[in-house]
């Protein structure tokens, strides 16, 4: 064998070494290879695609393998009620997992902290999914390397404060939480979104209490950090458990590395019946507000504000 051909073959082997050798499609549903998602989860190998067909599954699953795509095929793919390890309907422990087009509903646990998805591995993407009537919609662990992205999904009627509070989304100490083009409606008592991430991006979402919601904050960044809050529709309702604040920053002390926090191009409707701070800033540094629009009795920001924005008006 000449040296050039030998080198090419060695290079090909090296390139394939990190790739899944037998990536496959695993089908879940009535009459499919696997009757329940948990069965497919136990069989999944790195790089596999798990396709779940329509039906209501009283099942929960540990996804321990990395580089998976788990997707509902067609409408009405519903995971209902059952949680694993008193944590969640799906527990993702592998890295780089994508979940799309699945409804998670009724997640409850003895500690009142059950989640539709409990994210414990690094890097999770959730698309086109629905989280209805859970204690937490999505709850992440404190994996500081993890980046969580949520797109075009719906969170409705999640949350409680029976023990520690549960929320629509609760991100622990991760690298990034990005929530994009999603809808939050009528969460209960807890916050619509609570993020301890080093960086939080909330972009082009609708976050509303509505007539039946009782959430505390629309968005809580308890440990500060850096953030982009842009192009959202926010609404605080009369049933809110904390009518004084829509967005809270640094309320539990700013332990994240301080970065720029920009709140721009949002619309906020205050239907609480009292004067409400759109942003309540508990940190010692200013937050930038640009081109936000307000309806109702609103204080744009309570706390330090850059001098160039102090004359901004509703």
C-alpha atoms as a PDB file:
ATOM      1  CA  UNK A   1       0.000   0.000   0.000  1.00  0.00           C
ATOM      2  CA  UNK A   2       1.485   3.379  -0.924  1.00  0.00           C
ATOM      3  CA  UNK A   3       1.964   5.962   1.810  1.00  0.00           C
ATOM      4  CA  UNK A   4      -0.652   8.369   0.437  1.00  0.00           C
ATOM      5  CA  UNK A   5      -3.405   5.716   0.436  1.00  0.00           C
ATOM      6  CA  UNK A   6      -2.395   4.506   3.881  1.00  0.00           C
ATOM      7  CA  UNK A   7      -2.524   8.068   5.254  1.00  0.00           C
ATOM      8  CA  UNK A   8      -5.961   8.632   3.729  1.00  0.00           C
ATOM      9  CA  UNK A   9      -7.328   5.492   5.367  1.00  0.00           C
ATOM     10  CA  UNK A  10      -5.888   6.418   8.748  1.00  0.00           C
ATOM     11  CA  UNK A  11      -7.442   9.885   8.457  1.00  0.00           C
ATOM     12  CA  UNK A  12     -10.833   8.384   7.594  1.00  0.00           C
ATOM     13  CA  UNK A  13     -10.696   6.105  10.635  1.00  0.00           C
ATOM     14  CA  UNK A  14      -9.804   9.019  12.886  1.00  0.00           C
ATOM     15  CA  UNK A  15     -12.649  11.142  11.516  1.00  0.00           C
ATOM     16  CA  UNK A  16     -15.166   8.369  12.125  1.00  0.00           C
ATOM     17  CA  UNK A  17     -13.905   7.492  15.586  1.00  0.00           C
ATOM     18  CA  UNK A  18     -16.052  10.132  17.299  1.00  0.00           C
ATOM     19  CA  UNK A  19     -19.151   9.449  15.197  1.00  0.00           C
ATOM     20  CA  UNK A  20     -21.925   6.979  16.029  1.00  0.00           C
ATOM     21  CA  UNK A  21     -21.330   3.779  14.080  1.00  0.00           C
ATOM     22  CA  UNK A  22     -24.919   2.574  13.997  1.00  0.00           C
ATOM     23  CA  UNK A  23     -27.150   5.658  14.298  1.00  0.00           C
ATOM     24  CA  UNK A  24     -30.728   4.527  13.845  1.00  0.00           C
ATOM     25  CA  UNK A  25     -34.353   5.607  13.949  1.00  0.00           C
ATOM     26  CA  UNK A  26     -36.333   4.145  16.838  1.00  0.00           C
ATOM     27  CA  UNK A  27     -40.129   4.182  16.493  1.00  0.00           C
ATOM     28  CA  UNK A  28     -42.423   4.414  19.539  1.00  0.00           C
ATOM     29  CA  UNK A  29     -46.171   3.797  19.603  1.00  0.00           C
ATOM     30  CA  UNK A  30     -48.924   1.275  19.093  1.00  0.00           C
ATOM     31  CA  UNK A  31     -47.650  -1.434  16.766  1.00  0.00           C
ATOM     32  CA  UNK A  32     -44.157   0.097  16.589  1.00  0.00           C
ATOM     33  CA  UNK A  33     -40.842  -1.388  17.685  1.00  0.00           C
ATOM     34  CA  UNK A  34     -41.209   0.175  21.139  1.00  0.00           C
ATOM     35  CA  UNK A  35     -44.549   0.609  22.888  1.00  0.00           C
ATOM     36  CA  UNK A  36     -43.312   3.282  25.307  1.00  0.00           C
ATOM     37  CA  UNK A  37     -40.678   6.046  25.222  1.00  0.00           C
ATOM     38  CA  UNK A  38     -38.879   4.515  28.233  1.00  0.00           C
ATOM     39  CA  UNK A  39     -38.206   1.351  26.218  1.00  0.00           C
ATOM     40  CA  UNK A  40     -36.666   3.378  23.411  1.00  0.00           C
ATOM     41  CA  UNK A  41     -34.614   5.353  25.930  1.00  0.00           C
ATOM     42  CA  UNK A  42     -33.017   2.156  27.232  1.00  0.00           C
ATOM     43  CA  UNK A  43     -32.184   1.040  23.696  1.00  0.00           C
ATOM     44  CA  UNK A  44     -30.957   4.373  22.316  1.00  0.00           C
ATOM     45  CA  UNK A  45     -27.392   4.724  21.072  1.00  0.00           C
ATOM     46  CA  UNK A  46     -25.488   7.923  20.422  1.00  0.00           C
ATOM     47  CA  UNK A  47     -26.817   9.783  17.398  1.00  0.00           C
ATOM     48  CA  UNK A  48     -30.168   7.965  17.240  1.00  0.00           C
ATOM     49  CA  UNK A  49     -33.469   9.633  16.335  1.00  0.00           C
ATOM     50  CA  UNK A  50     -36.448   8.586  18.445  1.00  0.00           C
ATOM     51  CA  UNK A  51     -39.792   9.119  16.734  1.00  0.00           C
ATOM     52  CA  UNK A  52     -42.849   8.997  18.994  1.00  0.00           C
ATOM     53  CA  UNK A  53     -46.179   8.532  17.241  1.00  0.00           C
ATOM     54  CA  UNK A  54     -49.509  10.030  18.399  1.00  0.00           C
ATOM     55  CA  UNK A  55     -50.962   8.785  21.645  1.00  0.00           C
ATOM     56  CA  UNK A  56     -51.095   9.492  25.363  1.00  0.00           C
ATOM     57  CA  UNK A  57     -48.257   7.741  27.192  1.00  0.00           C
ATOM     58  CA  UNK A  58     -48.440   7.288  30.973  1.00  0.00           C
ATOM     59  CA  UNK A  59     -44.695   6.853  31.013  1.00  0.00           C
ATOM     60  CA  UNK A  60     -41.461   8.539  32.042  1.00  0.00           C
ATOM     61  CA  UNK A  61     -37.944   8.092  30.697  1.00  0.00           C
ATOM     62  CA  UNK A  62     -34.258   8.595  31.518  1.00  0.00           C
ATOM     63  CA  UNK A  63     -32.346   9.768  28.451  1.00  0.00           C
ATOM     64  CA  UNK A  64     -28.777   8.876  29.431  1.00  0.00           C
ATOM     65  CA  UNK A  65     -27.296   8.835  25.917  1.00  0.00           C
ATOM     66  CA  UNK A  66     -25.884  11.925  24.189  1.00  0.00           C
ATOM     67  CA  UNK A  67     -26.601  13.365  20.726  1.00  0.00           C
ATOM     68  CA  UNK A  68     -30.218  12.242  20.542  1.00  0.00           C
ATOM     69  CA  UNK A  69     -33.204  13.725  18.727  1.00  0.00           C
ATOM     70  CA  UNK A  70     -36.533  12.855  20.390  1.00  0.00           C
ATOM     71  CA  UNK A  71     -39.523  14.044  18.397  1.00  0.00           C
ATOM     72  CA  UNK A  72     -43.246  13.637  18.214  1.00  0.00           C
ATOM     73  CA  UNK A  73     -44.578  12.642  14.810  1.00  0.00           C
ATOM     74  CA  UNK A  74     -47.833  14.405  14.064  1.00  0.00           C
ATOM     75  CA  UNK A  75     -50.252  15.926  16.580  1.00  0.00           C
ATOM     76  CA  UNK A  76     -51.197  14.734  20.065  1.00  0.00           C
ATOM     77  CA  UNK A  77     -48.010  13.118  21.252  1.00  0.00           C
ATOM     78  CA  UNK A  78     -48.667  13.432  24.992  1.00  0.00           C
ATOM     79  CA  UNK A  79     -46.601  12.338  27.986  1.00  0.00           C
ATOM     80  CA  UNK A  80     -48.924  12.499  30.980  1.00  0.00           C
ATOM     81  CA  UNK A  81     -48.557  12.224  34.703  1.00  0.00           C
ATOM     82  CA  UNK A  82     -45.846   9.712  35.527  1.00  0.00           C
ATOM     83  CA  UNK A  83     -42.461  11.026  36.739  1.00  0.00           C
ATOM     84  CA  UNK A  84     -39.142   9.208  37.176  1.00  0.00           C
ATOM     85  CA  UNK A  85     -37.094   9.485  40.388  1.00  0.00           C
ATOM     86  CA  UNK A  86     -39.576  12.047  41.755  1.00  0.00           C
ATOM     87  CA  UNK A  87     -38.028  14.477  39.251  1.00  0.00           C
ATOM     88  CA  UNK A  88     -39.597  14.583  35.816  1.00  0.00           C
ATOM     89  CA  UNK A  89     -41.436  12.943  32.950  1.00  0.00           C
ATOM     90  CA  UNK A  90     -38.256  13.126  30.861  1.00  0.00           C
ATOM     91  CA  UNK A  91     -34.889  13.293  32.617  1.00  0.00           C
ATOM     92  CA  UNK A  92     -32.088  14.211  30.198  1.00  0.00           C
ATOM     93  CA  UNK A  93     -28.689  13.088  31.465  1.00  0.00           C
ATOM     94  CA  UNK A  94     -26.944  12.819  28.117  1.00  0.00           C
ATOM     95  CA  UNK A  95     -25.487  15.881  26.407  1.00  0.00           C
ATOM     96  CA  UNK A  96     -26.645  17.654  23.243  1.00  0.00           C
ATOM     97  CA  UNK A  97     -30.218  16.373  23.186  1.00  0.00           C
ATOM     98  CA  UNK A  98     -33.041  17.867  21.104  1.00  0.00           C
ATOM     99  CA  UNK A  99     -36.710  17.376  22.031  1.00  0.00           C
ATOM    100  CA  UNK A 100     -39.485  18.583  19.760  1.00  0.00           C
ATOM    101  CA  UNK A 101     -43.255  18.429  19.250  1.00  0.00           C
ATOM    102  CA  UNK A 102     -44.219  16.708  22.509  1.00  0.00           C
ATOM    103  CA  UNK A 103     -46.779  17.692  25.154  1.00  0.00           C
ATOM    104  CA  UNK A 104     -45.808  17.215  28.802  1.00  0.00           C
ATOM    105  CA  UNK A 105     -48.642  17.437  31.288  1.00  0.00           C
ATOM    106  CA  UNK A 106     -49.474  16.660  34.899  1.00  0.00           C
ATOM    107  CA  UNK A 107     -45.950  16.216  36.260  1.00  0.00           C
ATOM    108  CA  UNK A 108     -46.215  16.033  40.062  1.00  0.00           C
ATOM    109  CA  UNK A 109     -43.765  14.701  42.630  1.00  0.00           C
ATOM    110  CA  UNK A 110     -43.868  14.105  46.406  1.00  0.00           C
ATOM    111  CA  UNK A 111     -41.608  17.147  46.895  1.00  0.00           C
ATOM    112  CA  UNK A 112     -43.978  19.234  44.707  1.00  0.00           C
ATOM    113  CA  UNK A 113     -41.112  19.889  42.287  1.00  0.00           C
ATOM    114  CA  UNK A 114     -41.984  17.545  39.417  1.00  0.00           C
ATOM    115  CA  UNK A 115     -41.092  18.717  35.910  1.00  0.00           C
ATOM    116  CA  UNK A 116     -42.133  18.019  32.367  1.00  0.00           C
ATOM    117  CA  UNK A 117     -38.415  17.927  31.557  1.00  0.00           C
ATOM    118  CA  UNK A 118     -35.634  17.730  34.144  1.00  0.00           C
ATOM    119  CA  UNK A 119     -32.414  18.717  32.326  1.00  0.00           C
ATOM    120  CA  UNK A 120     -29.285  17.347  34.001  1.00  0.00           C
ATOM    121  CA  UNK A 121     -26.871  16.885  31.088  1.00  0.00           C
ATOM    122  CA  UNK A 122     -25.251  19.685  29.105  1.00  0.00           C
ATOM    123  CA  UNK A 123     -26.944  21.398  26.168  1.00  0.00           C
ATOM    124  CA  UNK A 124     -30.642  20.803  25.614  1.00  0.00           C
ATOM    125  CA  UNK A 125     -32.801  22.199  22.810  1.00  0.00           C
ATOM    126  CA  UNK A 126     -36.605  22.118  23.123  1.00  0.00           C
ATOM    127  CA  UNK A 127     -38.729  23.058  20.106  1.00  0.00           C
ATOM    128  CA  UNK A 128     -42.449  23.188  19.337  1.00  0.00           C
ATOM    129  CA  UNK A 129     -43.413  21.537  22.616  1.00  0.00           C
ATOM    130  CA  UNK A 130     -46.103  22.154  25.219  1.00  0.00           C
ATOM    131  CA  UNK A 131     -45.903  22.144  29.035  1.00  0.00           C
ATOM    132  CA  UNK A 132     -49.371  22.134  30.552  1.00  0.00           C
ATOM    133  CA  UNK A 133     -50.329  21.888  34.223  1.00  0.00           C
ATOM    134  CA  UNK A 134     -47.021  20.618  35.599  1.00  0.00           C
ATOM    135  CA  UNK A 135     -45.349  21.693  38.811  1.00  0.00           C
ATOM    136  CA  UNK A 136     -42.364  22.877  36.732  1.00  0.00           C
ATOM    137  CA  UNK A 137     -42.507  23.025  32.984  1.00  0.00           C
ATOM    138  CA  UNK A 138     -38.720  22.682  32.564  1.00  0.00           C
ATOM    139  CA  UNK A 139     -36.291  22.454  35.498  1.00  0.00           C
ATOM    140  CA  UNK A 140     -32.526  22.383  34.976  1.00  0.00           C
ATOM    141  CA  UNK A 141     -29.742  21.309  37.286  1.00  0.00           C
ATOM    142  CA  UNK A 142     -26.733  23.534  37.963  1.00  0.00           C
ATOM    143  CA  UNK A 143     -24.522  22.243  35.137  1.00  0.00           C
ATOM    144  CA  UNK A 144     -22.368  25.305  34.529  1.00  0.00           C
ATOM    145  CA  UNK A 145     -21.318  24.098  31.068  1.00  0.00           C
ATOM    146  CA  UNK A 146     -24.886  23.713  29.855  1.00  0.00           C
ATOM    147  CA  UNK A 147     -26.662  25.853  27.268  1.00  0.00           C
ATOM    148  CA  UNK A 148     -30.459  25.509  27.179  1.00  0.00           C
ATOM    149  CA  UNK A 149     -32.436  26.753  24.168  1.00  0.00           C
ATOM    150  CA  UNK A 150     -36.251  26.766  24.066  1.00  0.00           C
ATOM    151  CA  UNK A 151     -38.063  27.771  20.873  1.00  0.00           C
ATOM    152  CA  UNK A 152     -41.682  28.071  19.735  1.00  0.00           C
ATOM    153  CA  UNK A 153     -43.064  26.267  22.789  1.00  0.00           C
ATOM    154  CA  UNK A 154     -46.017  26.837  25.133  1.00  0.00           C
ATOM    155  CA  UNK A 155     -46.074  26.932  28.945  1.00  0.00           C
ATOM    156  CA  UNK A 156     -49.539  27.084  30.505  1.00  0.00           C
ATOM    157  CA  UNK A 157     -50.763  26.574  34.050  1.00  0.00           C
ATOM    158  CA  UNK A 158     -47.487  25.370  35.561  1.00  0.00           C
ATOM    159  CA  UNK A 159     -46.116  26.346  38.971  1.00  0.00           C
ATOM    160  CA  UNK A 160     -46.804  26.230  42.697  1.00  0.00           C
ATOM    161  CA  UNK A 161     -45.260  27.293  45.987  1.00  0.00           C
ATOM    162  CA  UNK A 162     -46.330  24.375  48.174  1.00  0.00           C
ATOM    163  CA  UNK A 163     -42.751  23.647  49.260  1.00  0.00           C
ATOM    164  CA  UNK A 164     -39.976  25.481  47.398  1.00  0.00           C
ATOM    165  CA  UNK A 165     -41.582  27.309  44.502  1.00  0.00           C
ATOM    166  CA  UNK A 166     -41.940  25.724  41.075  1.00  0.00           C
ATOM    167  CA  UNK A 167     -42.122  27.716  37.834  1.00  0.00           C
ATOM    168  CA  UNK A 168     -42.844  27.663  34.124  1.00  0.00           C
ATOM    169  CA  UNK A 169     -39.094  27.450  33.501  1.00  0.00           C
ATOM    170  CA  UNK A 170     -36.504  27.254  36.263  1.00  0.00           C
ATOM    171  CA  UNK A 171     -32.887  27.351  35.059  1.00  0.00           C
ATOM    172  CA  UNK A 172     -30.166  26.634  37.599  1.00  0.00           C
ATOM    173  CA  UNK A 173     -26.568  27.867  37.419  1.00  0.00           C
ATOM    174  CA  UNK A 174     -25.973  27.108  33.737  1.00  0.00           C
ATOM    175  CA  UNK A 175     -24.017  29.006  31.085  1.00  0.00           C
ATOM    176  CA  UNK A 176     -26.969  30.172  28.958  1.00  0.00           C
ATOM    177  CA  UNK A 177     -30.742  30.114  28.929  1.00  0.00           C
ATOM    178  CA  UNK A 178     -32.277  31.311  25.657  1.00  0.00           C
ATOM    179  CA  UNK A 179     -36.077  31.371  25.284  1.00  0.00           C
ATOM    180  CA  UNK A 180     -37.341  32.423  21.874  1.00  0.00           C
ATOM    181  CA  UNK A 181     -40.757  32.850  20.222  1.00  0.00           C
ATOM    182  CA  UNK A 182     -42.590  30.989  22.984  1.00  0.00           C
ATOM    183  CA  UNK A 183     -45.839  31.563  24.880  1.00  0.00           C
ATOM    184  CA  UNK A 184     -46.307  31.686  28.662  1.00  0.00           C
ATOM    185  CA  UNK A 185     -49.850  31.815  30.041  1.00  0.00           C
ATOM    186  CA  UNK A 186     -51.460  31.636  33.467  1.00  0.00           C
ATOM    187  CA  UNK A 187     -48.627  30.189  35.552  1.00  0.00           C
ATOM    188  CA  UNK A 188     -49.515  29.668  39.219  1.00  0.00           C
ATOM    189  CA  UNK A 189     -47.820  31.432  42.175  1.00  0.00           C
ATOM    190  CA  UNK A 190     -44.256  30.763  40.969  1.00  0.00           C
ATOM    191  CA  UNK A 191     -42.629  32.777  38.187  1.00  0.00           C
ATOM    192  CA  UNK A 192     -43.182  32.336  34.473  1.00  0.00           C
ATOM    193  CA  UNK A 193     -39.393  32.213  33.988  1.00  0.00           C
ATOM    194  CA  UNK A 194     -36.717  32.039  36.682  1.00  0.00           C
ATOM    195  CA  UNK A 195     -33.102  31.954  35.515  1.00  0.00           C
ATOM    196  CA  UNK A 196     -29.882  31.700  37.492  1.00  0.00           C
ATOM    197  CA  UNK A 197     -27.942  31.340  34.226  1.00  0.00           C
ATOM    198  CA  UNK A 198     -24.777  33.356  33.726  1.00  0.00           C
ATOM    199  CA  UNK A 199     -26.479  34.748  30.603  1.00  0.00           C
ATOM    200  CA  UNK A 200     -30.203  34.857  29.918  1.00  0.00           C
ATOM    201  CA  UNK A 201     -31.785  35.732  26.556  1.00  0.00           C
ATOM    202  CA  UNK A 202     -35.562  36.217  26.408  1.00  0.00           C
ATOM    203  CA  UNK A 203     -36.458  37.167  22.842  1.00  0.00           C
ATOM    204  CA  UNK A 204     -39.806  37.615  21.030  1.00  0.00           C
ATOM    205  CA  UNK A 205     -41.988  35.786  23.567  1.00  0.00           C
ATOM    206  CA  UNK A 206     -45.468  36.385  24.970  1.00  0.00           C
ATOM    207  CA  UNK A 207     -45.469  36.228  28.793  1.00  0.00           C
ATOM    208  CA  UNK A 208     -48.905  36.939  30.260  1.00  0.00           C
ATOM    209  CA  UNK A 209     -50.756  36.238  33.500  1.00  0.00           C
ATOM    210  CA  UNK A 210     -54.122  36.634  31.827  1.00  0.00           C
ATOM    211  CA  UNK A 211     -57.343  36.463  33.790  1.00  0.00           C
ATOM    212  CA  UNK A 212     -56.534  33.137  35.481  1.00  0.00           C
ATOM    213  CA  UNK A 213     -52.841  33.484  36.298  1.00  0.00           C
ATOM    214  CA  UNK A 214     -51.351  34.085  39.739  1.00  0.00           C
ATOM    215  CA  UNK A 215     -47.618  34.117  38.980  1.00  0.00           C
ATOM    216  CA  UNK A 216     -45.275  36.265  41.022  1.00  0.00           C
ATOM    217  CA  UNK A 217     -42.731  37.673  38.520  1.00  0.00           C
ATOM    218  CA  UNK A 218     -42.968  37.479  34.774  1.00  0.00           C
ATOM    219  CA  UNK A 219     -39.189  37.079  34.719  1.00  0.00           C
ATOM    220  CA  UNK A 220     -36.803  36.592  37.643  1.00  0.00           C
ATOM    221  CA  UNK A 221     -33.003  36.849  37.340  1.00  0.00           C
ATOM    222  CA  UNK A 222     -32.211  36.380  41.038  1.00  0.00           C
ATOM    223  CA  UNK A 223     -28.424  36.250  40.633  1.00  0.00           C
ATOM    224  CA  UNK A 224     -28.027  38.917  37.948  1.00  0.00           C
ATOM    225  CA  UNK A 225     -25.424  38.170  35.284  1.00  0.00           C
ATOM    226  CA  UNK A 226     -25.861  39.361  31.719  1.00  0.00           C
ATOM    227  CA  UNK A 227     -29.127  39.408  29.805  1.00  0.00           C
ATOM    228  CA  UNK A 228     -30.922  40.414  26.642  1.00  0.00           C
ATOM    229  CA  UNK A 229     -34.687  40.902  27.066  1.00  0.00           C
ATOM    230  CA  UNK A 230     -35.929  41.996  23.658  1.00  0.00           C
ATOM    231  CA  UNK A 231     -39.109  42.169  21.609  1.00  0.00           C
ATOM    232  CA  UNK A 232     -41.417  40.516  24.147  1.00  0.00           C
ATOM    233  CA  UNK A 233     -45.058  41.085  25.065  1.00  0.00           C
ATOM    234  CA  UNK A 234     -45.424  41.149  28.858  1.00  0.00           C
ATOM    235  CA  UNK A 235     -48.677  41.391  30.841  1.00  0.00           C
ATOM    236  CA  UNK A 236     -49.222  41.366  34.596  1.00  0.00           C
ATOM    237  CA  UNK A 237     -52.704  40.418  35.724  1.00  0.00           C
ATOM    238  CA  UNK A 238     -54.945  41.206  38.663  1.00  0.00           C
ATOM    239  CA  UNK A 239     -54.362  37.768  40.202  1.00  0.00           C
ATOM    240  CA  UNK A 240     -50.586  38.088  40.422  1.00  0.00           C
ATOM    241  CA  UNK A 241     -49.077  37.156  43.801  1.00  0.00           C
ATOM    242  CA  UNK A 242     -46.605  40.020  43.404  1.00  0.00           C
ATOM    243  CA  UNK A 243     -48.255  42.960  41.699  1.00  0.00           C
ATOM    244  CA  UNK A 244     -45.383  45.349  42.416  1.00  0.00           C
ATOM    245  CA  UNK A 245     -42.806  43.861  40.019  1.00  0.00           C
ATOM    246  CA  UNK A 246     -42.820  42.465  36.485  1.00  0.00           C
ATOM    247  CA  UNK A 247     -39.091  41.748  35.960  1.00  0.00           C
ATOM    248  CA  UNK A 248     -36.780  41.297  38.935  1.00  0.00           C
ATOM    249  CA  UNK A 249     -32.968  41.406  38.735  1.00  0.00           C
ATOM    250  CA  UNK A 250     -30.588  40.463  41.551  1.00  0.00           C
ATOM    251  CA  UNK A 251     -33.143  39.932  44.313  1.00  0.00           C
ATOM    252  CA  UNK A 252     -31.103  37.070  45.830  1.00  0.00           C
ATOM    253  CA  UNK A 253     -27.754  38.909  45.444  1.00  0.00           C
ATOM    254  CA  UNK A 254     -25.733  39.157  42.253  1.00  0.00           C
ATOM    255  CA  UNK A 255     -23.468  36.111  42.400  1.00  0.00           C
ATOM    256  CA  UNK A 256     -23.142  35.714  38.609  1.00  0.00           C
ATOM    257  CA  UNK A 257     -20.332  37.595  36.830  1.00  0.00           C
ATOM    258  CA  UNK A 258     -21.721  41.067  36.153  1.00  0.00           C
ATOM    259  CA  UNK A 259     -22.478  41.774  32.499  1.00  0.00           C
ATOM    260  CA  UNK A 260     -24.627  44.131  30.480  1.00  0.00           C
ATOM    261  CA  UNK A 261     -28.381  43.757  30.920  1.00  0.00           C
ATOM    262  CA  UNK A 262     -30.381  45.242  28.041  1.00  0.00           C
ATOM    263  CA  UNK A 263     -34.189  45.493  28.098  1.00  0.00           C
ATOM    264  CA  UNK A 264     -35.362  46.776  24.731  1.00  0.00           C
ATOM    265  CA  UNK A 265     -38.338  46.938  22.362  1.00  0.00           C
ATOM    266  CA  UNK A 266     -40.762  45.244  24.757  1.00  0.00           C
ATOM    267  CA  UNK A 267     -44.436  46.001  25.382  1.00  0.00           C
ATOM    268  CA  UNK A 268     -45.755  45.803  28.937  1.00  0.00           C
ATOM    269  CA  UNK A 269     -49.425  45.908  29.884  1.00  0.00           C
ATOM    270  CA  UNK A 270     -50.056  46.426  33.593  1.00  0.00           C
ATOM    271  CA  UNK A 271     -53.475  45.009  34.452  1.00  0.00           C
ATOM    272  CA  UNK A 272     -52.633  44.452  38.126  1.00  0.00           C
ATOM    273  CA  UNK A 273     -54.661  47.404  39.387  1.00  0.00           C
ATOM    274  CA  UNK A 274     -51.711  49.040  41.161  1.00  0.00           C
ATOM    275  CA  UNK A 275     -48.501  50.832  40.221  1.00  0.00           C
ATOM    276  CA  UNK A 276     -45.955  48.271  39.052  1.00  0.00           C
ATOM    277  CA  UNK A 277     -42.227  48.429  38.335  1.00  0.00           C
ATOM    278  CA  UNK A 278     -41.509  47.020  34.894  1.00  0.00           C
ATOM    279  CA  UNK A 279     -37.918  46.284  36.018  1.00  0.00           C
ATOM    280  CA  UNK A 280     -36.930  46.177  39.681  1.00  0.00           C
ATOM    281  CA  UNK A 281     -33.143  46.324  39.880  1.00  0.00           C
ATOM    282  CA  UNK A 282     -31.627  45.078  43.142  1.00  0.00           C
ATOM    283  CA  UNK A 283     -28.047  45.252  41.849  1.00  0.00           C
ATOM    284  CA  UNK A 284     -25.700  48.188  42.353  1.00  0.00           C
ATOM    285  CA  UNK A 285     -25.197  48.699  38.623  1.00  0.00           C
ATOM    286  CA  UNK A 286     -27.440  50.167  35.953  1.00  0.00           C
ATOM    287  CA  UNK A 287     -29.675  48.318  33.517  1.00  0.00           C
ATOM    288  CA  UNK A 288     -30.222  49.687  30.017  1.00  0.00           C
ATOM    289  CA  UNK A 289     -33.856  50.269  28.943  1.00  0.00           C
ATOM    290  CA  UNK A 290     -34.499  51.200  25.318  1.00  0.00           C
ATOM    291  CA  UNK A 291     -37.697  51.775  23.310  1.00  0.00           C
ATOM    292  CA  UNK A 292     -40.054  49.901  25.649  1.00  0.00           C
ATOM    293  CA  UNK A 293     -43.789  50.708  25.567  1.00  0.00           C
ATOM    294  CA  UNK A 294     -46.035  50.722  28.620  1.00  0.00           C
ATOM    295  CA  UNK A 295     -49.763  50.610  29.255  1.00  0.00           C
ATOM    296  CA  UNK A 296     -51.233  51.264  32.704  1.00  0.00           C
ATOM    297  CA  UNK A 297     -49.622  52.578  35.869  1.00  0.00           C
ATOM    298  CA  UNK A 298     -45.959  51.670  35.326  1.00  0.00           C
ATOM    299  CA  UNK A 299     -42.608  52.713  36.751  1.00  0.00           C
ATOM    300  CA  UNK A 300     -40.149  51.799  33.964  1.00  0.00           C
ATOM    301  CA  UNK A 301     -37.322  50.913  36.344  1.00  0.00           C
ATOM    302  CA  UNK A 302     -36.838  50.941  40.093  1.00  0.00           C
ATOM    303  CA  UNK A 303     -33.110  51.058  40.845  1.00  0.00           C
ATOM    304  CA  UNK A 304     -29.920  52.247  39.100  1.00  0.00           C
ATOM    305  CA  UNK A 305     -30.439  53.401  35.519  1.00  0.00           C
ATOM    306  CA  UNK A 306     -27.894  54.684  32.970  1.00  0.00           C
ATOM    307  CA  UNK A 307     -27.922  58.471  32.818  1.00  0.00           C
ATOM    308  CA  UNK A 308     -28.713  58.480  29.099  1.00  0.00           C
ATOM    309  CA  UNK A 309     -31.966  56.622  29.770  1.00  0.00           C
ATOM    310  CA  UNK A 310     -33.219  58.509  32.813  1.00  0.00           C
ATOM    311  CA  UNK A 311     -35.526  60.664  30.717  1.00  0.00           C
ATOM    312  CA  UNK A 312     -37.183  57.691  29.021  1.00  0.00           C
ATOM    313  CA  UNK A 313     -40.961  57.886  29.340  1.00  0.00           C
ATOM    314  CA  UNK A 314     -43.776  55.350  29.033  1.00  0.00           C
END
